[in-house]
């Protein structure tokens, strides 16, 4: 699944929900997905929080097949920046 497809799916899911702050999924050479202002895009920018992970682990995270806390503990994802924003994501997808 391409990052643009994932971003489109996230944007559709955010339509009826609110997400304060900005968050970036950094998938390395595959690119980024930025959640900001109620939408998701693949345009890189500075954000309040960055989650670094592989594209495969991003798909697992969004489908609920990768627990965020387990991902951090096992090194499958790394969080930098505002932890409060990361916690909001957990409530949004959890």
PDB file of N, CA and C in Angstrom:
ATOM      1  N   UNK A   1       0.853  -1.180   0.000  1.00  0.00           N
ATOM      2  CA  UNK A   1       0.000   0.000   0.000  1.00  0.00           C
ATOM      3  C   UNK A   1       0.898   1.243   0.000  1.00  0.00           C
ATOM      4  N   UNK A   2       0.652   2.138  -0.932  1.00  0.00           N
ATOM      5  CA  UNK A   2       1.443   3.364  -1.057  1.00  0.00           C
ATOM      6  C   UNK A   2       1.082   4.360   0.049  1.00  0.00           C
ATOM      7  N   UNK A   3       2.049   5.205   0.406  1.00  0.00           N
ATOM      8  CA  UNK A   3       1.799   6.191   1.460  1.00  0.00           C
ATOM      9  C   UNK A   3       0.639   7.117   1.111  1.00  0.00           C
ATOM     10  N   UNK A   4       0.489   7.474  -0.158  1.00  0.00           N
ATOM     11  CA  UNK A   4      -0.619   8.360  -0.542  1.00  0.00           C
ATOM     12  C   UNK A   4      -1.965   7.687  -0.260  1.00  0.00           C
ATOM     13  N   UNK A   5      -2.063   6.385  -0.517  1.00  0.00           N
ATOM     14  CA  UNK A   5      -3.296   5.646  -0.217  1.00  0.00           C
ATOM     15  C   UNK A   5      -3.570   5.644   1.282  1.00  0.00           C
ATOM     16  N   UNK A   6      -2.518   5.439   2.066  1.00  0.00           N
ATOM     17  CA  UNK A   6      -2.662   5.441   3.524  1.00  0.00           C
ATOM     18  C   UNK A   6      -3.115   6.823   3.991  1.00  0.00           C
ATOM     19  N   UNK A   7      -2.498   7.881   3.457  1.00  0.00           N
ATOM     20  CA  UNK A   7      -2.864   9.254   3.835  1.00  0.00           C
ATOM     21  C   UNK A   7      -4.312   9.544   3.488  1.00  0.00           C
ATOM     22  N   UNK A   8      -4.759   9.077   2.333  1.00  0.00           N
ATOM     23  CA  UNK A   8      -6.155   9.285   1.929  1.00  0.00           C
ATOM     24  C   UNK A   8      -7.097   8.591   2.904  1.00  0.00           C
ATOM     25  N   UNK A   9      -6.759   7.371   3.290  1.00  0.00           N
ATOM     26  CA  UNK A   9      -7.580   6.637   4.257  1.00  0.00           C
ATOM     27  C   UNK A   9      -7.634   7.328   5.609  1.00  0.00           C
ATOM     28  N   UNK A  10      -6.508   7.872   6.048  1.00  0.00           N
ATOM     29  CA  UNK A  10      -6.465   8.596   7.325  1.00  0.00           C
ATOM     30  C   UNK A  10      -7.322   9.856   7.236  1.00  0.00           C
ATOM     31  N   UNK A  11      -7.223  10.578   6.131  1.00  0.00           N
ATOM     32  CA  UNK A  11      -8.027  11.799   5.949  1.00  0.00           C
ATOM     33  C   UNK A  11      -9.508  11.489   6.027  1.00  0.00           C
ATOM     34  N   UNK A  12      -9.916  10.388   5.389  1.00  0.00           N
ATOM     35  CA  UNK A  12     -11.329   9.989   5.434  1.00  0.00           C
ATOM     36  C   UNK A  12     -11.749   9.646   6.857  1.00  0.00           C
ATOM     37  N   UNK A  13     -10.874   8.968   7.600  1.00  0.00           N
ATOM     38  CA  UNK A  13     -11.189   8.594   8.980  1.00  0.00           C
ATOM     39  C   UNK A  13     -11.252   9.812   9.901  1.00  0.00           C
ATOM     40  N   UNK A  14     -10.503  10.865   9.581  1.00  0.00           N
ATOM     41  CA  UNK A  14     -10.473  12.068  10.422  1.00  0.00           C
ATOM     42  C   UNK A  14     -11.665  12.989  10.195  1.00  0.00           C
ATOM     43  N   UNK A  15     -12.453  12.758   9.154  1.00  0.00           N
ATOM     44  CA  UNK A  15     -13.537  13.676   8.820  1.00  0.00           C
ATOM     45  C   UNK A  15     -14.521  13.902   9.960  1.00  0.00           C
ATOM     46  N   UNK A  16     -14.821  12.884  10.734  1.00  0.00           N
ATOM     47  CA  UNK A  16     -15.799  13.021  11.819  1.00  0.00           C
ATOM     48  C   UNK A  16     -15.151  13.077  13.194  1.00  0.00           C
ATOM     49  N   UNK A  17     -13.819  13.254  13.223  1.00  0.00           N
ATOM     50  CA  UNK A  17     -13.096  13.282  14.489  1.00  0.00           C
ATOM     51  C   UNK A  17     -12.210  14.510  14.529  1.00  0.00           C
ATOM     52  N   UNK A  18     -11.831  14.896  15.739  1.00  0.00           N
ATOM     53  CA  UNK A  18     -10.912  16.029  15.856  1.00  0.00           C
ATOM     54  C   UNK A  18      -9.578  15.531  16.390  1.00  0.00           C
ATOM     55  N   UNK A  19      -8.513  16.134  15.880  1.00  0.00           N
ATOM     56  CA  UNK A  19      -7.165  15.804  16.325  1.00  0.00           C
ATOM     57  C   UNK A  19      -6.407  17.099  16.491  1.00  0.00           C
ATOM     58  N   UNK A  20      -6.084  17.427  17.746  1.00  0.00           N
ATOM     59  CA  UNK A  20      -5.371  18.672  18.028  1.00  0.00           C
ATOM     60  C   UNK A  20      -3.876  18.453  17.862  1.00  0.00           C
ATOM     61  N   UNK A  21      -3.202  19.452  17.337  1.00  0.00           N
ATOM     62  CA  UNK A  21      -1.763  19.372  17.154  1.00  0.00           C
ATOM     63  C   UNK A  21      -1.422  18.810  15.783  1.00  0.00           C
ATOM     64  N   UNK A  22      -0.147  18.529  15.595  1.00  0.00           N
ATOM     65  CA  UNK A  22       0.299  17.961  14.332  1.00  0.00           C
ATOM     66  C   UNK A  22       1.253  16.811  14.620  1.00  0.00           C
ATOM     67  N   UNK A  23       1.180  15.800  13.769  1.00  0.00           N
ATOM     68  CA  UNK A  23       1.950  14.591  13.975  1.00  0.00           C
ATOM     69  C   UNK A  23       2.470  14.095  12.638  1.00  0.00           C
ATOM     70  N   UNK A  24       3.695  13.588  12.648  1.00  0.00           N
ATOM     71  CA  UNK A  24       4.289  13.060  11.417  1.00  0.00           C
ATOM     72  C   UNK A  24       4.657  11.602  11.613  1.00  0.00           C
ATOM     73  N   UNK A  25       4.242  10.763  10.659  1.00  0.00           N
ATOM     74  CA  UNK A  25       4.730   9.402  10.562  1.00  0.00           C
ATOM     75  C   UNK A  25       5.896   9.451   9.587  1.00  0.00           C
ATOM     76  N   UNK A  26       7.095   9.204  10.069  1.00  0.00           N
ATOM     77  CA  UNK A  26       8.296   9.232   9.229  1.00  0.00           C
ATOM     78  C   UNK A  26       8.676   7.800   8.886  1.00  0.00           C
ATOM     79  N   UNK A  27       8.472   7.444   7.621  1.00  0.00           N
ATOM     80  CA  UNK A  27       8.759   6.083   7.160  1.00  0.00           C
ATOM     81  C   UNK A  27      10.078   6.022   6.396  1.00  0.00           C
ATOM     82  N   UNK A  28      10.999   6.905   6.739  1.00  0.00           N
ATOM     83  CA  UNK A  28      12.316   6.904   6.127  1.00  0.00           C
ATOM     84  C   UNK A  28      12.267   7.205   4.641  1.00  0.00           C
ATOM     85  N   UNK A  29      12.941   6.385   3.850  1.00  0.00           N
ATOM     86  CA  UNK A  29      13.021   6.633   2.409  1.00  0.00           C
ATOM     87  C   UNK A  29      11.677   6.470   1.700  1.00  0.00           C
ATOM     88  N   UNK A  30      10.711   5.803   2.340  1.00  0.00           N
ATOM     89  CA  UNK A  30       9.375   5.652   1.750  1.00  0.00           C
ATOM     90  C   UNK A  30       8.594   6.966   1.770  1.00  0.00           C
ATOM     91  N   UNK A  31       8.949   7.876   2.698  1.00  0.00           N
ATOM     92  CA  UNK A  31       8.281   9.175   2.785  1.00  0.00           C
ATOM     93  C   UNK A  31       7.642   9.403   4.139  1.00  0.00           C
ATOM     94  N   UNK A  32       6.778  10.405   4.186  1.00  0.00           N
ATOM     95  CA  UNK A  32       6.123  10.789   5.437  1.00  0.00           C
ATOM     96  C   UNK A  32       4.622  10.948   5.216  1.00  0.00           C
ATOM     97  N   UNK A  33       3.893  10.843   6.318  1.00  0.00           N
ATOM     98  CA  UNK A  33       2.476  11.225   6.357  1.00  0.00           C
ATOM     99  C   UNK A  33       2.351  12.196   7.514  1.00  0.00           C
ATOM    100  N   UNK A  34       1.785  13.362   7.236  1.00  0.00           N
ATOM    101  CA  UNK A  34       1.617  14.394   8.256  1.00  0.00           C
ATOM    102  C   UNK A  34       0.127  14.570   8.544  1.00  0.00           C
ATOM    103  N   UNK A  35      -0.238  14.460   9.826  1.00  0.00           N
ATOM    104  CA  UNK A  35      -1.599  14.736  10.277  1.00  0.00           C
ATOM    105  C   UNK A  35      -1.609  16.134  10.856  1.00  0.00           C
ATOM    106  N   UNK A  36      -2.374  17.026  10.250  1.00  0.00           N
ATOM    107  CA  UNK A  36      -2.475  18.400  10.733  1.00  0.00           C
ATOM    108  C   UNK A  36      -3.730  19.028  10.180  1.00  0.00           C
ATOM    109  N   UNK A  37      -4.350  19.868  10.981  1.00  0.00           N
ATOM    110  CA  UNK A  37      -5.529  20.629  10.566  1.00  0.00           C
ATOM    111  C   UNK A  37      -6.629  19.743   9.991  1.00  0.00           C
ATOM    112  N   UNK A  38      -6.838  18.586  10.615  1.00  0.00           N
ATOM    113  CA  UNK A  38      -7.939  17.708  10.244  1.00  0.00           C
ATOM    114  C   UNK A  38      -7.737  16.909   8.979  1.00  0.00           C
ATOM    115  N   UNK A  39      -6.524  16.847   8.459  1.00  0.00           N
ATOM    116  CA  UNK A  39      -6.271  16.098   7.235  1.00  0.00           C
ATOM    117  C   UNK A  39      -4.909  15.431   7.303  1.00  0.00           C
ATOM    118  N   UNK A  40      -4.670  14.530   6.369  1.00  0.00           N
ATOM    119  CA  UNK A  40      -3.377  13.854   6.263  1.00  0.00           C
ATOM    120  C   UNK A  40      -2.796  14.125   4.887  1.00  0.00           C
ATOM    121  N   UNK A  41      -1.504  14.376   4.839  1.00  0.00           N
ATOM    122  CA  UNK A  41      -0.847  14.607   3.549  1.00  0.00           C
ATOM    123  C   UNK A  41       0.526  13.959   3.554  1.00  0.00           C
ATOM    124  N   UNK A  42       1.130  13.857   2.385  1.00  0.00           N
ATOM    125  CA  UNK A  42       2.466  13.287   2.262  1.00  0.00           C
ATOM    126  C   UNK A  42       3.510  14.390   2.079  1.00  0.00           C
ATOM    127  N   UNK A  43       3.126  15.626   2.376  1.00  0.00           N
ATOM    128  CA  UNK A  43       4.041  16.759   2.280  1.00  0.00           C
ATOM    129  C   UNK A  43       4.770  16.925   3.613  1.00  0.00           C
ATOM    130  N   UNK A  44       6.087  16.858   3.572  1.00  0.00           N
ATOM    131  CA  UNK A  44       6.881  16.943   4.795  1.00  0.00           C
ATOM    132  C   UNK A  44       6.856  18.362   5.355  1.00  0.00           C
ATOM    133  N   UNK A  45       6.747  18.459   6.670  1.00  0.00           N
ATOM    134  CA  UNK A  45       6.803  19.740   7.372  1.00  0.00           C
ATOM    135  C   UNK A  45       7.125  19.483   8.830  1.00  0.00           C
ATOM    136  N   UNK A  46       7.441  20.538   9.560  1.00  0.00           N
ATOM    137  CA  UNK A  46       7.681  20.410  10.986  1.00  0.00           C
ATOM    138  C   UNK A  46       6.362  20.116  11.694  1.00  0.00           C
ATOM    139  N   UNK A  47       6.417  19.248  12.700  1.00  0.00           N
ATOM    140  CA  UNK A  47       5.222  18.880  13.452  1.00  0.00           C
ATOM    141  C   UNK A  47       5.526  18.878  14.950  1.00  0.00           C
ATOM    142  N   UNK A  48       4.464  18.798  15.750  1.00  0.00           N
ATOM    143  CA  UNK A  48       4.617  18.745  17.197  1.00  0.00           C
ATOM    144  C   UNK A  48       5.261  17.436  17.653  1.00  0.00           C
ATOM    145  N   UNK A  49       4.976  16.361  16.925  1.00  0.00           N
ATOM    146  CA  UNK A  49       5.441  15.036  17.306  1.00  0.00           C
ATOM    147  C   UNK A  49       5.781  14.245  16.045  1.00  0.00           C
ATOM    148  N   UNK A  50       6.834  13.436  16.119  1.00  0.00           N
ATOM    149  CA  UNK A  50       7.216  12.572  15.000  1.00  0.00           C
ATOM    150  C   UNK A  50       7.294  11.136  15.481  1.00  0.00           C
ATOM    151  N   UNK A  51       6.667  10.252  14.729  1.00  0.00           N
ATOM    152  CA  UNK A  51       6.752   8.823  15.002  1.00  0.00           C
ATOM    153  C   UNK A  51       7.517   8.205  13.833  1.00  0.00           C
ATOM    154  N   UNK A  52       8.662   7.627  14.141  1.00  0.00           N
ATOM    155  CA  UNK A  52       9.510   7.017  13.120  1.00  0.00           C
ATOM    156  C   UNK A  52       9.278   5.508  13.141  1.00  0.00           C
ATOM    157  N   UNK A  53       8.918   4.964  11.978  1.00  0.00           N
ATOM    158  CA  UNK A  53       8.630   3.543  11.865  1.00  0.00           C
ATOM    159  C   UNK A  53       8.672   3.139  10.398  1.00  0.00           C
ATOM    160  N   UNK A  54       8.655   1.841  10.129  1.00  0.00           N
ATOM    161  CA  UNK A  54       8.635   1.374   8.748  1.00  0.00           C
ATOM    162  C   UNK A  54       7.219   1.511   8.194  1.00  0.00           C
ATOM    163  N   UNK A  55       7.116   1.504   6.890  1.00  0.00           N
ATOM    164  CA  UNK A  55       5.795   1.601   6.257  1.00  0.00           C
ATOM    165  C   UNK A  55       4.934   0.391   6.648  1.00  0.00           C
ATOM    166  N   UNK A  56       5.536  -0.797   6.706  1.00  0.00           N
ATOM    167  CA  UNK A  56       4.789  -1.992   7.112  1.00  0.00           C
ATOM    168  C   UNK A  56       4.246  -1.856   8.528  1.00  0.00           C
ATOM    169  N   UNK A  57       5.077  -1.334   9.440  1.00  0.00           N
ATOM    170  CA  UNK A  57       4.617  -1.158  10.819  1.00  0.00           C
ATOM    171  C   UNK A  57       3.570  -0.057  10.928  1.00  0.00           C
ATOM    172  N   UNK A  58       3.626   0.951  10.054  1.00  0.00           N
ATOM    173  CA  UNK A  58       2.583   1.974  10.037  1.00  0.00           C
ATOM    174  C   UNK A  58       1.237   1.351   9.692  1.00  0.00           C
ATOM    175  N   UNK A  59       1.223   0.508   8.676  1.00  0.00           N
ATOM    176  CA  UNK A  59      -0.023  -0.163   8.285  1.00  0.00           C
ATOM    177  C   UNK A  59      -0.538  -1.012   9.443  1.00  0.00           C
ATOM    178  N   UNK A  60       0.356  -1.763  10.097  1.00  0.00           N
ATOM    179  CA  UNK A  60      -0.048  -2.584  11.240  1.00  0.00           C
ATOM    180  C   UNK A  60      -0.593  -1.717  12.373  1.00  0.00           C
ATOM    181  N   UNK A  61       0.059  -0.585  12.641  1.00  0.00           N
ATOM    182  CA  UNK A  61      -0.380   0.322  13.700  1.00  0.00           C
ATOM    183  C   UNK A  61      -1.793   0.831  13.426  1.00  0.00           C
ATOM    184  N   UNK A  62      -2.030   1.270  12.197  1.00  0.00           N
ATOM    185  CA  UNK A  62      -3.334   1.838  11.844  1.00  0.00           C
ATOM    186  C   UNK A  62      -4.444   0.789  11.801  1.00  0.00           C
ATOM    187  N   UNK A  63      -4.086  -0.463  11.536  1.00  0.00           N
ATOM    188  CA  UNK A  63      -5.084  -1.548  11.503  1.00  0.00           C
ATOM    189  C   UNK A  63      -5.299  -2.166  12.872  1.00  0.00           C
ATOM    190  N   UNK A  64      -4.552  -1.679  13.873  1.00  0.00           N
ATOM    191  CA  UNK A  64      -4.700  -2.212  15.221  1.00  0.00           C
ATOM    192  C   UNK A  64      -3.937  -3.500  15.452  1.00  0.00           C
ATOM    193  N   UNK A  65      -3.041  -3.868  14.535  1.00  0.00           N
ATOM    194  CA  UNK A  65      -2.269  -5.098  14.678  1.00  0.00           C
ATOM    195  C   UNK A  65      -0.927  -4.863  15.360  1.00  0.00           C
ATOM    196  N   UNK A  66      -0.584  -3.601  15.619  1.00  0.00           N
ATOM    197  CA  UNK A  66       0.626  -3.246  16.368  1.00  0.00           C
ATOM    198  C   UNK A  66       0.223  -2.294  17.479  1.00  0.00           C
ATOM    199  N   UNK A  67       0.368  -2.763  18.706  1.00  0.00           N
ATOM    200  CA  UNK A  67       0.077  -1.928  19.865  1.00  0.00           C
ATOM    201  C   UNK A  67       1.161  -0.862  19.971  1.00  0.00           C
ATOM    202  N   UNK A  68       0.774   0.429  20.099  1.00  0.00           N
ATOM    203  CA  UNK A  68       1.778   1.494  20.160  1.00  0.00           C
ATOM    204  C   UNK A  68       2.801   1.312  21.274  1.00  0.00           C
ATOM    205  N   UNK A  69       2.366   0.917  22.445  1.00  0.00           N
ATOM    206  CA  UNK A  69       3.300   0.739  23.561  1.00  0.00           C
ATOM    207  C   UNK A  69       4.264  -0.424  23.294  1.00  0.00           C
ATOM    208  N   UNK A  70       3.739  -1.513  22.751  1.00  0.00           N
ATOM    209  CA  UNK A  70       4.588  -2.642  22.399  1.00  0.00           C
ATOM    210  C   UNK A  70       5.573  -2.235  21.318  1.00  0.00           C
ATOM    211  N   UNK A  71       5.111  -1.444  20.351  1.00  0.00           N
ATOM    212  CA  UNK A  71       5.977  -0.963  19.281  1.00  0.00           C
ATOM    213  C   UNK A  71       7.144  -0.154  19.802  1.00  0.00           C
ATOM    214  N   UNK A  72       6.885   0.696  20.792  1.00  0.00           N
ATOM    215  CA  UNK A  72       7.953   1.495  21.395  1.00  0.00           C
ATOM    216  C   UNK A  72       8.909   0.587  22.164  1.00  0.00           C
ATOM    217  N   UNK A  73       8.361  -0.320  22.948  1.00  0.00           N
ATOM    218  CA  UNK A  73       9.185  -1.200  23.781  1.00  0.00           C
ATOM    219  C   UNK A  73      10.085  -2.115  22.943  1.00  0.00           C
ATOM    220  N   UNK A  74       9.605  -2.534  21.778  1.00  0.00           N
ATOM    221  CA  UNK A  74      10.377  -3.454  20.928  1.00  0.00           C
ATOM    222  C   UNK A  74      11.210  -2.724  19.892  1.00  0.00           C
ATOM    223  N   UNK A  75      11.129  -1.386  19.865  1.00  0.00           N
ATOM    224  CA  UNK A  75      11.931  -0.612  18.926  1.00  0.00           C
ATOM    225  C   UNK A  75      11.357  -0.537  17.521  1.00  0.00           C
ATOM    226  N   UNK A  76      10.112  -0.982  17.348  1.00  0.00           N
ATOM    227  CA  UNK A  76       9.498  -0.919  16.024  1.00  0.00           C
ATOM    228  C   UNK A  76       9.051   0.487  15.671  1.00  0.00           C
ATOM    229  N   UNK A  77       8.886   1.326  16.686  1.00  0.00           N
ATOM    230  CA  UNK A  77       8.594   2.738  16.438  1.00  0.00           C
ATOM    231  C   UNK A  77       9.252   3.583  17.503  1.00  0.00           C
ATOM    232  N   UNK A  78       9.611   4.780  17.085  1.00  0.00           N
ATOM    233  CA  UNK A  78      10.255   5.738  17.990  1.00  0.00           C
ATOM    234  C   UNK A  78       9.454   7.022  17.961  1.00  0.00           C
ATOM    235  N   UNK A  79       9.247   7.609  19.129  1.00  0.00           N
ATOM    236  CA  UNK A  79       8.470   8.839  19.246  1.00  0.00           C
ATOM    237  C   UNK A  79       9.389   9.957  19.707  1.00  0.00           C
ATOM    238  N   UNK A  80       9.330  11.080  19.002  1.00  0.00           N
ATOM    239  CA  UNK A  80      10.083  12.260  19.432  1.00  0.00           C
ATOM    240  C   UNK A  80       9.153  13.464  19.392  1.00  0.00           C
ATOM    241  N   UNK A  81       9.426  14.432  20.251  1.00  0.00           N
ATOM    242  CA  UNK A  81       8.589  15.623  20.310  1.00  0.00           C
ATOM    243  C   UNK A  81       7.557  15.520  21.423  1.00  0.00           C
ATOM    244  N   UNK A  82       6.411  16.118  21.203  1.00  0.00           N
ATOM    245  CA  UNK A  82       5.354  16.237  22.206  1.00  0.00           C
ATOM    246  C   UNK A  82       4.626  14.911  22.424  1.00  0.00           C
ATOM    247  N   UNK A  83       4.870  14.287  23.568  1.00  0.00           N
ATOM    248  CA  UNK A  83       4.240  12.996  23.881  1.00  0.00           C
ATOM    249  C   UNK A  83       2.724  13.116  24.021  1.00  0.00           C
ATOM    250  N   UNK A  84       2.240  14.282  24.413  1.00  0.00           N
ATOM    251  CA  UNK A  84       0.793  14.477  24.540  1.00  0.00           C
ATOM    252  C   UNK A  84       0.110  14.280  23.185  1.00  0.00           C
ATOM    253  N   UNK A  85       0.742  14.763  22.132  1.00  0.00           N
ATOM    254  CA  UNK A  85       0.198  14.593  20.791  1.00  0.00           C
ATOM    255  C   UNK A  85       0.168  13.112  20.418  1.00  0.00           C
ATOM    256  N   UNK A  86       1.206  12.385  20.753  1.00  0.00           N
ATOM    257  CA  UNK A  86       1.238  10.937  20.485  1.00  0.00           C
ATOM    258  C   UNK A  86       0.126  10.221  21.252  1.00  0.00           C
ATOM    259  N   UNK A  87      -0.141  10.647  22.469  1.00  0.00           N
ATOM    260  CA  UNK A  87      -1.211  10.043  23.258  1.00  0.00           C
ATOM    261  C   UNK A  87      -2.578  10.309  22.624  1.00  0.00           C
ATOM    262  N   UNK A  88      -2.751  11.501  22.053  1.00  0.00           N
ATOM    263  CA  UNK A  88      -4.007  11.813  21.372  1.00  0.00           C
ATOM    264  C   UNK A  88      -4.221  10.866  20.190  1.00  0.00           C
ATOM    265  N   UNK A  89      -3.133  10.541  19.504  1.00  0.00           N
ATOM    266  CA  UNK A  89      -3.246   9.604  18.385  1.00  0.00           C
ATOM    267  C   UNK A  89      -3.731   8.255  18.874  1.00  0.00           C
ATOM    268  N   UNK A  90      -3.199   7.816  20.011  1.00  0.00           N
ATOM    269  CA  UNK A  90      -3.617   6.547  20.577  1.00  0.00           C
ATOM    270  C   UNK A  90      -5.114   6.495  20.833  1.00  0.00           C
ATOM    271  N   UNK A  91      -5.676   7.584  21.307  1.00  0.00           N
ATOM    272  CA  UNK A  91      -7.121   7.660  21.540  1.00  0.00           C
ATOM    273  C   UNK A  91      -7.886   7.673  20.228  1.00  0.00           C
ATOM    274  N   UNK A  92      -7.302   8.269  19.209  1.00  0.00           N
ATOM    275  CA  UNK A  92      -7.954   8.391  17.902  1.00  0.00           C
ATOM    276  C   UNK A  92      -8.034   7.056  17.197  1.00  0.00           C
ATOM    277  N   UNK A  93      -6.938   6.272  17.247  1.00  0.00           N
ATOM    278  CA  UNK A  93      -6.926   5.009  16.528  1.00  0.00           C
ATOM    279  C   UNK A  93      -7.227   3.813  17.432  1.00  0.00           C
ATOM    280  N   UNK A  94      -7.222   4.035  18.741  1.00  0.00           N
ATOM    281  CA  UNK A  94      -7.404   2.944  19.688  1.00  0.00           C
ATOM    282  C   UNK A  94      -8.762   2.582  19.922  1.00  0.00           C
TER     283      UNK A  94
END
